[in-house]
Amino acid sequence: MMATSNAKPTFKVHVKTGDTVQVISGKYKGKVAKILKVIPEKSQVVVEGVNMVTKHVKAQGEQPGRKDRKEGPIHSSKVMLYSEKQKTASRAGIRITEDGRKVRYLKKTDEVLDAKPKK
């Protein structure tokens, strides 16, 4: 008998929380917005203002019922990193700087994404 593992598989997602992305397929194609949350277990991302879902909340006591609208997750392959300066979407690459740090950059525009000073 084989032992089963309860560990969820995680996927490598090419975007991080706070990145500016452009949706490249689906109902919201062309929309440019920021990543609010990354779900690597399902290879999904939550993008600001994209895939709005309605949650009906039942009335409880004195509180009336209501409809909450919030962003739902979409697959990470439907988004592409976006350059605000060049106004274009691009793939990401990884480069090692002169001081030995790894940084992400946009391949099309050569724009560095993770420009944090070294401590």
PDB file of N, CA and C in Angstrom:
ATOM      1  N   MET A   1       0.830  -1.172   0.000  1.00  0.00           N
ATOM      2  CA  MET A   1       0.000   0.000   0.000  1.00  0.00           C
ATOM      3  C   MET A   1       0.885   1.250   0.000  1.00  0.00           C
ATOM      4  N   MET A   2       0.551   2.223  -0.864  1.00  0.00           N
ATOM      5  CA  MET A   2       1.357   3.436  -0.969  1.00  0.00           C
ATOM      6  C   MET A   2       0.880   4.496   0.011  1.00  0.00           C
ATOM      7  N   ALA A   3       1.810   5.218   0.562  1.00  0.00           N
ATOM      8  CA  ALA A   3       1.472   6.323   1.457  1.00  0.00           C
ATOM      9  C   ALA A   3       1.046   7.520   0.619  1.00  0.00           C
ATOM     10  N   THR A   4      -0.034   8.165   1.021  1.00  0.00           N
ATOM     11  CA  THR A   4      -0.509   9.337   0.293  1.00  0.00           C
ATOM     12  C   THR A   4      -0.055  10.591   1.006  1.00  0.00           C
ATOM     13  N   SER A   5       0.232  11.592   0.238  1.00  0.00           N
ATOM     14  CA  SER A   5       0.685  12.860   0.776  1.00  0.00           C
ATOM     15  C   SER A   5      -0.456  13.867   0.719  1.00  0.00           C
ATOM     16  N   ASN A   6      -0.614  14.658   1.748  1.00  0.00           N
ATOM     17  CA  ASN A   6      -1.648  15.684   1.780  1.00  0.00           C
ATOM     18  C   ASN A   6      -1.151  17.018   1.254  1.00  0.00           C
ATOM     19  N   ALA A   7       0.094  17.081   0.830  1.00  0.00           N
ATOM     20  CA  ALA A   7       0.672  18.333   0.336  1.00  0.00           C
ATOM     21  C   ALA A   7       0.048  18.693  -1.005  1.00  0.00           C
ATOM     22  N   LYS A   8      -0.358  19.957  -1.118  1.00  0.00           N
ATOM     23  CA  LYS A   8      -0.937  20.426  -2.372  1.00  0.00           C
ATOM     24  C   LYS A   8       0.192  20.776  -3.338  1.00  0.00           C
ATOM     25  N   PRO A   9       0.034  20.430  -4.607  1.00  0.00           N
ATOM     26  CA  PRO A   9       1.082  20.821  -5.557  1.00  0.00           C
ATOM     27  C   PRO A   9       1.037  22.330  -5.791  1.00  0.00           C
ATOM     28  N   THR A  10       2.199  22.949  -5.897  1.00  0.00           N
ATOM     29  CA  THR A  10       2.248  24.380  -6.200  1.00  0.00           C
ATOM     30  C   THR A  10       2.867  24.551  -7.578  1.00  0.00           C
ATOM     31  N   PHE A  11       2.443  25.593  -8.251  1.00  0.00           N
ATOM     32  CA  PHE A  11       2.919  25.885  -9.589  1.00  0.00           C
ATOM     33  C   PHE A  11       3.711  27.178  -9.562  1.00  0.00           C
ATOM     34  N   LYS A  12       4.647  27.293 -10.478  1.00  0.00           N
ATOM     35  CA  LYS A  12       5.413  28.523 -10.581  1.00  0.00           C
ATOM     36  C   LYS A  12       4.586  29.530 -11.379  1.00  0.00           C
ATOM     37  N   VAL A  13       4.305  30.656 -10.764  1.00  0.00           N
ATOM     38  CA  VAL A  13       3.499  31.698 -11.395  1.00  0.00           C
ATOM     39  C   VAL A  13       4.430  32.842 -11.782  1.00  0.00           C
ATOM     40  N   HIS A  14       4.284  33.359 -12.996  1.00  0.00           N
ATOM     41  CA  HIS A  14       5.207  34.356 -13.532  1.00  0.00           C
ATOM     42  C   HIS A  14       4.942  35.783 -13.066  1.00  0.00           C
ATOM     43  N   VAL A  15       3.932  35.997 -12.245  1.00  0.00           N
ATOM     44  CA  VAL A  15       3.612  37.339 -11.747  1.00  0.00           C
ATOM     45  C   VAL A  15       3.607  37.333 -10.221  1.00  0.00           C
ATOM     46  N   LYS A  16       3.722  38.519  -9.649  1.00  0.00           N
ATOM     47  CA  LYS A  16       3.708  38.678  -8.193  1.00  0.00           C
ATOM     48  C   LYS A  16       2.616  39.670  -7.821  1.00  0.00           C
ATOM     49  N   THR A  17       2.234  39.665  -6.553  1.00  0.00           N
ATOM     50  CA  THR A  17       1.257  40.623  -6.057  1.00  0.00           C
ATOM     51  C   THR A  17       1.798  42.040  -6.252  1.00  0.00           C
ATOM     52  N   GLY A  18       0.967  42.920  -6.806  1.00  0.00           N
ATOM     53  CA  GLY A  18       1.374  44.307  -7.046  1.00  0.00           C
ATOM     54  C   GLY A  18       1.845  44.575  -8.457  1.00  0.00           C
ATOM     55  N   ASP A  19       2.109  43.530  -9.252  1.00  0.00           N
ATOM     56  CA  ASP A  19       2.527  43.724 -10.644  1.00  0.00           C
ATOM     57  C   ASP A  19       1.384  44.300 -11.473  1.00  0.00           C
ATOM     58  N   THR A  20       1.722  45.112 -12.454  1.00  0.00           N
ATOM     59  CA  THR A  20       0.738  45.596 -13.410  1.00  0.00           C
ATOM     60  C   THR A  20       0.704  44.626 -14.575  1.00  0.00           C
ATOM     61  N   VAL A  21      -0.497  44.141 -14.903  1.00  0.00           N
ATOM     62  CA  VAL A  21      -0.649  43.144 -15.957  1.00  0.00           C
ATOM     63  C   VAL A  21      -1.730  43.559 -16.942  1.00  0.00           C
ATOM     64  N   GLN A  22      -1.701  42.913 -18.109  1.00  0.00           N
ATOM     65  CA  GLN A  22      -2.751  43.089 -19.103  1.00  0.00           C
ATOM     66  C   GLN A  22      -3.390  41.721 -19.322  1.00  0.00           C
ATOM     67  N   VAL A  23      -4.732  41.680 -19.323  1.00  0.00           N
ATOM     68  CA  VAL A  23      -5.442  40.432 -19.577  1.00  0.00           C
ATOM     69  C   VAL A  23      -5.384  40.189 -21.083  1.00  0.00           C
ATOM     70  N   ILE A  24      -4.940  38.974 -21.491  1.00  0.00           N
ATOM     71  CA  ILE A  24      -4.713  38.722 -22.914  1.00  0.00           C
ATOM     72  C   ILE A  24      -5.757  37.813 -23.547  1.00  0.00           C
ATOM     73  N   SER A  25      -6.689  37.258 -22.732  1.00  0.00           N
ATOM     74  CA  SER A  25      -7.757  36.459 -23.336  1.00  0.00           C
ATOM     75  C   SER A  25      -8.974  36.446 -22.427  1.00  0.00           C
ATOM     76  N   GLY A  26     -10.124  36.146 -23.009  1.00  0.00           N
ATOM     77  CA  GLY A  26     -11.353  36.065 -22.246  1.00  0.00           C
ATOM     78  C   GLY A  26     -12.179  37.337 -22.314  1.00  0.00           C
ATOM     79  N   LYS A  27     -13.185  37.398 -21.465  1.00  0.00           N
ATOM     80  CA  LYS A  27     -14.147  38.497 -21.439  1.00  0.00           C
ATOM     81  C   LYS A  27     -13.494  39.859 -21.168  1.00  0.00           C
ATOM     82  N   TYR A  28     -12.435  39.878 -20.371  1.00  0.00           N
ATOM     83  CA  TYR A  28     -11.776  41.131 -19.977  1.00  0.00           C
ATOM     84  C   TYR A  28     -10.503  41.408 -20.776  1.00  0.00           C
ATOM     85  N   LYS A  29     -10.387  40.831 -21.974  1.00  0.00           N
ATOM     86  CA  LYS A  29      -9.200  40.983 -22.814  1.00  0.00           C
ATOM     87  C   LYS A  29      -8.873  42.461 -23.037  1.00  0.00           C
ATOM     88  N   GLY A  30      -7.599  42.817 -22.836  1.00  0.00           N
ATOM     89  CA  GLY A  30      -7.139  44.186 -23.053  1.00  0.00           C
ATOM     90  C   GLY A  30      -7.115  45.032 -21.793  1.00  0.00           C
ATOM     91  N   LYS A  31      -7.780  44.612 -20.728  1.00  0.00           N
ATOM     92  CA  LYS A  31      -7.825  45.402 -19.496  1.00  0.00           C
ATOM     93  C   LYS A  31      -6.465  45.378 -18.805  1.00  0.00           C
ATOM     94  N   VAL A  32      -6.023  46.547 -18.350  1.00  0.00           N
ATOM     95  CA  VAL A  32      -4.752  46.686 -17.630  1.00  0.00           C
ATOM     96  C   VAL A  32      -5.067  47.000 -16.172  1.00  0.00           C
ATOM     97  N   ALA A  33      -4.522  46.202 -15.259  1.00  0.00           N
ATOM     98  CA  ALA A  33      -4.792  46.379 -13.833  1.00  0.00           C
ATOM     99  C   ALA A  33      -3.684  45.746 -13.001  1.00  0.00           C
ATOM    100  N   LYS A  34      -3.802  45.882 -11.680  1.00  0.00           N
ATOM    101  CA  LYS A  34      -2.801  45.344 -10.758  1.00  0.00           C
ATOM    102  C   LYS A  34      -3.243  43.985 -10.211  1.00  0.00           C
ATOM    103  N   ILE A  35      -2.251  43.153  -9.870  1.00  0.00           N
ATOM    104  CA  ILE A  35      -2.496  41.857  -9.244  1.00  0.00           C
ATOM    105  C   ILE A  35      -2.773  42.094  -7.760  1.00  0.00           C
ATOM    106  N   LEU A  36      -3.917  41.594  -7.269  1.00  0.00           N
ATOM    107  CA  LEU A  36      -4.256  41.727  -5.853  1.00  0.00           C
ATOM    108  C   LEU A  36      -3.789  40.525  -5.042  1.00  0.00           C
ATOM    109  N   LYS A  37      -3.834  39.328  -5.663  1.00  0.00           N
ATOM    110  CA  LYS A  37      -3.502  38.106  -4.943  1.00  0.00           C
ATOM    111  C   LYS A  37      -3.033  37.053  -5.930  1.00  0.00           C
ATOM    112  N   VAL A  38      -2.088  36.220  -5.500  1.00  0.00           N
ATOM    113  CA  VAL A  38      -1.596  35.109  -6.311  1.00  0.00           C
ATOM    114  C   VAL A  38      -1.918  33.813  -5.572  1.00  0.00           C
ATOM    115  N   ILE A  39      -2.498  32.835  -6.288  1.00  0.00           N
ATOM    116  CA  ILE A  39      -2.838  31.530  -5.705  1.00  0.00           C
ATOM    117  C   ILE A  39      -2.012  30.474  -6.432  1.00  0.00           C
ATOM    118  N   PRO A  40      -0.778  30.187  -5.969  1.00  0.00           N
ATOM    119  CA  PRO A  40       0.097  29.264  -6.694  1.00  0.00           C
ATOM    120  C   PRO A  40      -0.379  27.811  -6.679  1.00  0.00           C
ATOM    121  N   GLU A  41      -1.214  27.418  -5.697  1.00  0.00           N
ATOM    122  CA  GLU A  41      -1.721  26.049  -5.644  1.00  0.00           C
ATOM    123  C   GLU A  41      -2.581  25.719  -6.859  1.00  0.00           C
ATOM    124  N   LYS A  42      -3.271  26.734  -7.387  1.00  0.00           N
ATOM    125  CA  LYS A  42      -4.158  26.535  -8.532  1.00  0.00           C
ATOM    126  C   LYS A  42      -3.655  27.257  -9.776  1.00  0.00           C
ATOM    127  N   SER A  43      -2.505  27.893  -9.699  1.00  0.00           N
ATOM    128  CA  SER A  43      -1.939  28.685 -10.781  1.00  0.00           C
ATOM    129  C   SER A  43      -2.923  29.774 -11.225  1.00  0.00           C
ATOM    130  N   GLN A  44      -3.499  30.467 -10.225  1.00  0.00           N
ATOM    131  CA  GLN A  44      -4.479  31.508 -10.494  1.00  0.00           C
ATOM    132  C   GLN A  44      -4.049  32.828  -9.876  1.00  0.00           C
ATOM    133  N   VAL A  45      -4.621  33.912 -10.392  1.00  0.00           N
ATOM    134  CA  VAL A  45      -4.365  35.242  -9.864  1.00  0.00           C
ATOM    135  C   VAL A  45      -5.688  35.995  -9.748  1.00  0.00           C
ATOM    136  N   VAL A  46      -5.741  36.946  -8.816  1.00  0.00           N
ATOM    137  CA  VAL A  46      -6.892  37.825  -8.673  1.00  0.00           C
ATOM    138  C   VAL A  46      -6.436  39.198  -9.154  1.00  0.00           C
ATOM    139  N   VAL A  47      -7.116  39.713 -10.186  1.00  0.00           N
ATOM    140  CA  VAL A  47      -6.737  40.980 -10.795  1.00  0.00           C
ATOM    141  C   VAL A  47      -7.810  42.016 -10.470  1.00  0.00           C
ATOM    142  N   GLU A  48      -7.378  43.230 -10.133  1.00  0.00           N
ATOM    143  CA  GLU A  48      -8.271  44.313  -9.743  1.00  0.00           C
ATOM    144  C   GLU A  48      -9.281  44.632 -10.852  1.00  0.00           C
ATOM    145  N   GLY A  49     -10.579  44.498 -10.542  1.00  0.00           N
ATOM    146  CA  GLY A  49     -11.633  44.842 -11.489  1.00  0.00           C
ATOM    147  C   GLY A  49     -11.902  43.807 -12.574  1.00  0.00           C
ATOM    148  N   VAL A  50     -11.301  42.629 -12.484  1.00  0.00           N
ATOM    149  CA  VAL A  50     -11.456  41.588 -13.505  1.00  0.00           C
ATOM    150  C   VAL A  50     -12.185  40.393 -12.901  1.00  0.00           C
ATOM    151  N   ASN A  51     -13.086  39.775 -13.672  1.00  0.00           N
ATOM    152  CA  ASN A  51     -13.858  38.600 -13.269  1.00  0.00           C
ATOM    153  C   ASN A  51     -14.668  38.878 -12.007  1.00  0.00           C
ATOM    154  N   MET A  52     -15.476  39.923 -12.059  1.00  0.00           N
ATOM    155  CA  MET A  52     -16.297  40.307 -10.914  1.00  0.00           C
ATOM    156  C   MET A  52     -17.387  39.265 -10.679  1.00  0.00           C
ATOM    157  N   VAL A  53     -17.483  38.763  -9.434  1.00  0.00           N
ATOM    158  CA  VAL A  53     -18.477  37.767  -9.068  1.00  0.00           C
ATOM    159  C   VAL A  53     -19.376  38.347  -7.982  1.00  0.00           C
ATOM    160  N   THR A  54     -20.623  37.866  -7.933  1.00  0.00           N
ATOM    161  CA  THR A  54     -21.586  38.339  -6.951  1.00  0.00           C
ATOM    162  C   THR A  54     -21.787  37.279  -5.887  1.00  0.00           C
ATOM    163  N   LYS A  55     -21.652  37.673  -4.637  1.00  0.00           N
ATOM    164  CA  LYS A  55     -21.870  36.777  -3.495  1.00  0.00           C
ATOM    165  C   LYS A  55     -23.107  37.276  -2.767  1.00  0.00           C
ATOM    166  N   HIS A  56     -24.125  36.426  -2.681  1.00  0.00           N
ATOM    167  CA  HIS A  56     -25.354  36.786  -1.981  1.00  0.00           C
ATOM    168  C   HIS A  56     -25.207  36.421  -0.513  1.00  0.00           C
ATOM    169  N   VAL A  57     -25.377  37.427   0.370  1.00  0.00           N
ATOM    170  CA  VAL A  57     -25.237  37.216   1.804  1.00  0.00           C
ATOM    171  C   VAL A  57     -26.633  37.236   2.420  1.00  0.00           C
ATOM    172  N   LYS A  58     -26.984  36.179   3.136  1.00  0.00           N
ATOM    173  CA  LYS A  58     -28.298  36.033   3.741  1.00  0.00           C
ATOM    174  C   LYS A  58     -28.465  37.002   4.907  1.00  0.00           C
ATOM    175  N   ALA A  59     -29.693  37.480   5.119  1.00  0.00           N
ATOM    176  CA  ALA A  59     -29.994  38.370   6.233  1.00  0.00           C
ATOM    177  C   ALA A  59     -29.796  37.632   7.552  1.00  0.00           C
ATOM    178  N   GLN A  60     -29.205  38.335   8.534  1.00  0.00           N
ATOM    179  CA  GLN A  60     -28.987  37.732   9.854  1.00  0.00           C
ATOM    180  C   GLN A  60     -29.486  38.701  10.922  1.00  0.00           C
ATOM    181  N   GLY A  61     -30.598  38.332  11.578  1.00  0.00           N
ATOM    182  CA  GLY A  61     -31.163  39.175  12.633  1.00  0.00           C
ATOM    183  C   GLY A  61     -31.599  40.510  12.082  1.00  0.00           C
ATOM    184  N   GLU A  62     -31.061  41.577  12.652  1.00  0.00           N
ATOM    185  CA  GLU A  62     -31.420  42.936  12.228  1.00  0.00           C
ATOM    186  C   GLU A  62     -30.765  43.332  10.905  1.00  0.00           C
ATOM    187  N   GLN A  63     -29.654  42.660  10.567  1.00  0.00           N
ATOM    188  CA  GLN A  63     -28.929  43.005   9.337  1.00  0.00           C
ATOM    189  C   GLN A  63     -29.681  42.516   8.110  1.00  0.00           C
ATOM    190  N   PRO A  64     -29.916  43.392   7.133  1.00  0.00           N
ATOM    191  CA  PRO A  64     -30.590  42.932   5.908  1.00  0.00           C
ATOM    192  C   PRO A  64     -29.618  42.140   5.026  1.00  0.00           C
ATOM    193  N   GLY A  65     -30.185  41.374   4.107  1.00  0.00           N
ATOM    194  CA  GLY A  65     -29.355  40.646   3.147  1.00  0.00           C
ATOM    195  C   GLY A  65     -28.724  41.618   2.170  1.00  0.00           C
ATOM    196  N   ARG A  66     -27.680  41.180   1.490  1.00  0.00           N
ATOM    197  CA  ARG A  66     -27.007  42.076   0.540  1.00  0.00           C
ATOM    198  C   ARG A  66     -26.298  41.260  -0.536  1.00  0.00           C
ATOM    199  N   LYS A  67     -25.879  41.952  -1.559  1.00  0.00           N
ATOM    200  CA  LYS A  67     -25.096  41.339  -2.626  1.00  0.00           C
ATOM    201  C   LYS A  67     -23.712  41.977  -2.598  1.00  0.00           C
ATOM    202  N   ASP A  68     -22.694  41.169  -2.401  1.00  0.00           N
ATOM    203  CA  ASP A  68     -21.315  41.661  -2.413  1.00  0.00           C
ATOM    204  C   ASP A  68     -20.693  41.349  -3.760  1.00  0.00           C
ATOM    205  N   ARG A  69     -20.034  42.340  -4.357  1.00  0.00           N
ATOM    206  CA  ARG A  69     -19.316  42.113  -5.614  1.00  0.00           C
ATOM    207  C   ARG A  69     -17.829  42.203  -5.342  1.00  0.00           C
ATOM    208  N   LYS A  70     -17.087  41.184  -5.793  1.00  0.00           N
ATOM    209  CA  LYS A  70     -15.636  41.192  -5.610  1.00  0.00           C
ATOM    210  C   LYS A  70     -14.990  40.477  -6.791  1.00  0.00           C
ATOM    211  N   GLU A  71     -13.670  40.577  -6.860  1.00  0.00           N
ATOM    212  CA  GLU A  71     -12.924  39.960  -7.942  1.00  0.00           C
ATOM    213  C   GLU A  71     -12.780  38.467  -7.700  1.00  0.00           C
ATOM    214  N   GLY A  72     -12.963  37.683  -8.747  1.00  0.00           N
ATOM    215  CA  GLY A  72     -12.738  36.248  -8.677  1.00  0.00           C
ATOM    216  C   GLY A  72     -11.408  35.919  -9.329  1.00  0.00           C
ATOM    217  N   PRO A  73     -10.858  34.733  -9.064  1.00  0.00           N
ATOM    218  CA  PRO A  73      -9.572  34.371  -9.653  1.00  0.00           C
ATOM    219  C   PRO A  73      -9.687  33.984 -11.125  1.00  0.00           C
ATOM    220  N   ILE A  74      -8.626  34.245 -11.878  1.00  0.00           N
ATOM    221  CA  ILE A  74      -8.515  33.782 -13.266  1.00  0.00           C
ATOM    222  C   ILE A  74      -7.180  33.055 -13.395  1.00  0.00           C
ATOM    223  N   HIS A  75      -7.034  32.264 -14.441  1.00  0.00           N
ATOM    224  CA  HIS A  75      -5.797  31.504 -14.613  1.00  0.00           C
ATOM    225  C   HIS A  75      -4.645  32.450 -14.947  1.00  0.00           C
ATOM    226  N   SER A  76      -3.474  32.138 -14.422  1.00  0.00           N
ATOM    227  CA  SER A  76      -2.314  33.023 -14.600  1.00  0.00           C
ATOM    228  C   SER A  76      -1.851  33.103 -16.054  1.00  0.00           C
ATOM    229  N   SER A  77      -2.204  32.119 -16.879  1.00  0.00           N
ATOM    230  CA  SER A  77      -1.795  32.160 -18.285  1.00  0.00           C
ATOM    231  C   SER A  77      -2.592  33.188 -19.077  1.00  0.00           C
ATOM    232  N   LYS A  78      -3.651  33.739 -18.501  1.00  0.00           N
ATOM    233  CA  LYS A  78      -4.470  34.744 -19.184  1.00  0.00           C
ATOM    234  C   LYS A  78      -3.962  36.161 -18.963  1.00  0.00           C
ATOM    235  N   VAL A  79      -2.892  36.325 -18.183  1.00  0.00           N
ATOM    236  CA  VAL A  79      -2.349  37.661 -17.944  1.00  0.00           C
ATOM    237  C   VAL A  79      -0.893  37.735 -18.390  1.00  0.00           C
ATOM    238  N   MET A  80      -0.491  38.940 -18.758  1.00  0.00           N
ATOM    239  CA  MET A  80       0.871  39.181 -19.215  1.00  0.00           C
ATOM    240  C   MET A  80       1.369  40.464 -18.552  1.00  0.00           C
ATOM    241  N   LEU A  81       2.610  40.486 -18.126  1.00  0.00           N
ATOM    242  CA  LEU A  81       3.172  41.683 -17.498  1.00  0.00           C
ATOM    243  C   LEU A  81       3.082  42.867 -18.456  1.00  0.00           C
ATOM    244  N   TYR A  82       2.866  44.059 -17.892  1.00  0.00           N
ATOM    245  CA  TYR A  82       2.603  45.249 -18.696  1.00  0.00           C
ATOM    246  C   TYR A  82       3.553  46.375 -18.311  1.00  0.00           C
ATOM    247  N   SER A  83       4.070  47.061 -19.312  1.00  0.00           N
ATOM    248  CA  SER A  83       4.957  48.209 -19.101  1.00  0.00           C
ATOM    249  C   SER A  83       4.141  49.493 -19.167  1.00  0.00           C
ATOM    250  N   GLU A  84       4.111  50.244 -18.071  1.00  0.00           N
ATOM    251  CA  GLU A  84       3.383  51.520 -18.044  1.00  0.00           C
ATOM    252  C   GLU A  84       4.074  52.566 -18.932  1.00  0.00           C
ATOM    253  N   LYS A  85       5.406  52.522 -18.974  1.00  0.00           N
ATOM    254  CA  LYS A  85       6.151  53.507 -19.766  1.00  0.00           C
ATOM    255  C   LYS A  85       5.940  53.327 -21.262  1.00  0.00           C
ATOM    256  N   GLN A  86       6.073  52.081 -21.741  1.00  0.00           N
ATOM    257  CA  GLN A  86       5.980  51.794 -23.174  1.00  0.00           C
ATOM    258  C   GLN A  86       4.563  51.454 -23.618  1.00  0.00           C
ATOM    259  N   LYS A  87       3.636  51.257 -22.680  1.00  0.00           N
ATOM    260  CA  LYS A  87       2.248  50.889 -22.964  1.00  0.00           C
ATOM    261  C   LYS A  87       2.161  49.605 -23.781  1.00  0.00           C
ATOM    262  N   THR A  88       2.898  48.575 -23.363  1.00  0.00           N
ATOM    263  CA  THR A  88       2.901  47.308 -24.079  1.00  0.00           C
ATOM    264  C   THR A  88       3.058  46.140 -23.110  1.00  0.00           C
ATOM    265  N   ALA A  89       2.505  44.990 -23.489  1.00  0.00           N
ATOM    266  CA  ALA A  89       2.637  43.774 -22.681  1.00  0.00           C
ATOM    267  C   ALA A  89       3.885  43.022 -23.126  1.00  0.00           C
ATOM    268  N   SER A  90       4.502  42.296 -22.195  1.00  0.00           N
ATOM    269  CA  SER A  90       5.745  41.616 -22.506  1.00  0.00           C
ATOM    270  C   SER A  90       5.930  40.404 -21.599  1.00  0.00           C
ATOM    271  N   ARG A  91       6.776  39.488 -22.049  1.00  0.00           N
ATOM    272  CA  ARG A  91       7.164  38.369 -21.209  1.00  0.00           C
ATOM    273  C   ARG A  91       8.221  38.837 -20.220  1.00  0.00           C
ATOM    274  N   ALA A  92       8.411  38.034 -19.163  1.00  0.00           N
ATOM    275  CA  ALA A  92       9.399  38.391 -18.141  1.00  0.00           C
ATOM    276  C   ALA A  92      10.620  37.505 -18.275  1.00  0.00           C
ATOM    277  N   GLY A  93      11.749  38.067 -17.911  1.00  0.00           N
ATOM    278  CA  GLY A  93      12.993  37.324 -17.872  1.00  0.00           C
ATOM    279  C   GLY A  93      13.686  37.608 -16.552  1.00  0.00           C
ATOM    280  N   ILE A  94      14.727  36.844 -16.263  1.00  0.00           N
ATOM    281  CA  ILE A  94      15.502  37.056 -15.041  1.00  0.00           C
ATOM    282  C   ILE A  94      16.935  37.391 -15.425  1.00  0.00           C
ATOM    283  N   ARG A  95      17.478  38.385 -14.783  1.00  0.00           N
ATOM    284  CA  ARG A  95      18.828  38.864 -15.088  1.00  0.00           C
ATOM    285  C   ARG A  95      19.574  39.086 -13.773  1.00  0.00           C
ATOM    286  N   ILE A  96      20.868  38.860 -13.788  1.00  0.00           N
ATOM    287  CA  ILE A  96      21.694  39.119 -12.609  1.00  0.00           C
ATOM    288  C   ILE A  96      22.414  40.443 -12.830  1.00  0.00           C
ATOM    289  N   THR A  97      22.258  41.363 -11.882  1.00  0.00           N
ATOM    290  CA  THR A  97      22.848  42.694 -12.005  1.00  0.00           C
ATOM    291  C   THR A  97      24.331  42.665 -11.636  1.00  0.00           C
ATOM    292  N   GLU A  98      24.985  43.812 -11.790  1.00  0.00           N
ATOM    293  CA  GLU A  98      26.420  43.916 -11.496  1.00  0.00           C
ATOM    294  C   GLU A  98      26.723  43.623 -10.029  1.00  0.00           C
ATOM    295  N   ASP A  99      25.787  43.995  -9.143  1.00  0.00           N
ATOM    296  CA  ASP A  99      26.025  43.756  -7.715  1.00  0.00           C
ATOM    297  C   ASP A  99      25.547  42.377  -7.258  1.00  0.00           C
ATOM    298  N   GLY A 100      25.207  41.485  -8.195  1.00  0.00           N
ATOM    299  CA  GLY A 100      24.899  40.102  -7.868  1.00  0.00           C
ATOM    300  C   GLY A 100      23.448  39.804  -7.513  1.00  0.00           C
ATOM    301  N   ARG A 101      22.539  40.783  -7.673  1.00  0.00           N
ATOM    302  CA  ARG A 101      21.126  40.549  -7.368  1.00  0.00           C
ATOM    303  C   ARG A 101      20.403  39.993  -8.586  1.00  0.00           C
ATOM    304  N   LYS A 102      19.401  39.138  -8.342  1.00  0.00           N
ATOM    305  CA  LYS A 102      18.531  38.645  -9.405  1.00  0.00           C
ATOM    306  C   LYS A 102      17.362  39.615  -9.532  1.00  0.00           C
ATOM    307  N   VAL A 103      17.089  40.077 -10.736  1.00  0.00           N
ATOM    308  CA  VAL A 103      15.957  40.970 -10.955  1.00  0.00           C
ATOM    309  C   VAL A 103      15.123  40.466 -12.137  1.00  0.00           C
ATOM    310  N   ARG A 104      13.827  40.743 -12.087  1.00  0.00           N
ATOM    311  CA  ARG A 104      12.956  40.422 -13.219  1.00  0.00           C
ATOM    312  C   ARG A 104      12.931  41.616 -14.156  1.00  0.00           C
ATOM    313  N   TYR A 105      12.843  41.346 -15.448  1.00  0.00           N
ATOM    314  CA  TYR A 105      12.779  42.429 -16.419  1.00  0.00           C
ATOM    315  C   TYR A 105      11.828  42.036 -17.543  1.00  0.00           C
ATOM    316  N   LEU A 106      11.328  43.029 -18.252  1.00  0.00           N
ATOM    317  CA  LEU A 106      10.455  42.786 -19.392  1.00  0.00           C
ATOM    318  C   LEU A 106      11.314  42.598 -20.629  1.00  0.00           C
ATOM    319  N   LYS A 107      11.127  41.488 -21.328  1.00  0.00           N
ATOM    320  CA  LYS A 107      11.976  41.170 -22.471  1.00  0.00           C
ATOM    321  C   LYS A 107      11.796  42.129 -23.639  1.00  0.00           C
ATOM    322  N   LYS A 108      10.569  42.584 -23.873  1.00  0.00           N
ATOM    323  CA  LYS A 108      10.297  43.443 -25.016  1.00  0.00           C
ATOM    324  C   LYS A 108      10.854  44.857 -24.828  1.00  0.00           C
ATOM    325  N   THR A 109      10.722  45.400 -23.605  1.00  0.00           N
ATOM    326  CA  THR A 109      11.121  46.786 -23.362  1.00  0.00           C
ATOM    327  C   THR A 109      12.419  46.913 -22.568  1.00  0.00           C
ATOM    328  N   ASP A 110      12.941  45.796 -22.054  1.00  0.00           N
ATOM    329  CA  ASP A 110      14.161  45.774 -21.252  1.00  0.00           C
ATOM    330  C   ASP A 110      14.010  46.568 -19.945  1.00  0.00           C
ATOM    331  N   GLU A 111      12.781  46.724 -19.469  1.00  0.00           N
ATOM    332  CA  GLU A 111      12.485  47.467 -18.246  1.00  0.00           C
ATOM    333  C   GLU A 111      12.621  46.542 -17.034  1.00  0.00           C
ATOM    334  N   VAL A 112      13.352  46.981 -16.006  1.00  0.00           N
ATOM    335  CA  VAL A 112      13.561  46.183 -14.804  1.00  0.00           C
ATOM    336  C   VAL A 112      12.356  46.366 -13.871  1.00  0.00           C
ATOM    337  N   LEU A 113      11.807  45.237 -13.358  1.00  0.00           N
ATOM    338  CA  LEU A 113      10.621  45.266 -12.508  1.00  0.00           C
ATOM    339  C   LEU A 113      10.957  45.352 -11.033  1.00  0.00           C
ATOM    340  N   ASP A 114      11.940  44.604 -10.563  1.00  0.00           N
ATOM    341  CA  ASP A 114      12.270  44.541  -9.143  1.00  0.00           C
ATOM    342  C   ASP A 114      13.476  45.403  -8.805  1.00  0.00           C
ATOM    343  N   ALA A 115      13.354  46.695  -8.979  1.00  0.00           N
ATOM    344  CA  ALA A 115      14.494  47.587  -8.738  1.00  0.00           C
ATOM    345  C   ALA A 115      14.521  48.016  -7.269  1.00  0.00           C
ATOM    346  N   LYS A 116      14.938  47.097  -6.396  1.00  0.00           N
ATOM    347  CA  LYS A 116      15.056  47.401  -4.976  1.00  0.00           C
ATOM    348  C   LYS A 116      16.538  47.566  -4.638  1.00  0.00           C
ATOM    349  N   PRO A 117      16.888  48.578  -3.837  1.00  0.00           N
ATOM    350  CA  PRO A 117      18.297  48.740  -3.468  1.00  0.00           C
ATOM    351  C   PRO A 117      18.766  47.618  -2.569  1.00  0.00           C
ATOM    352  N   LYS A 118      20.018  47.218  -2.739  1.00  0.00           N
ATOM    353  CA  LYS A 118      20.601  46.144  -1.933  1.00  0.00           C
ATOM    354  C   LYS A 118      20.929  46.672  -0.543  1.00  0.00           C
ATOM    355  N   LYS A 119      20.626  45.861   0.473  1.00  0.00           N
ATOM    356  CA  LYS A 119      20.870  46.292   1.868  1.00  0.00           C
ATOM    357  C   LYS A 119      22.294  46.044   2.275  1.00  0.00           C
TER     358      LYS A 119
END
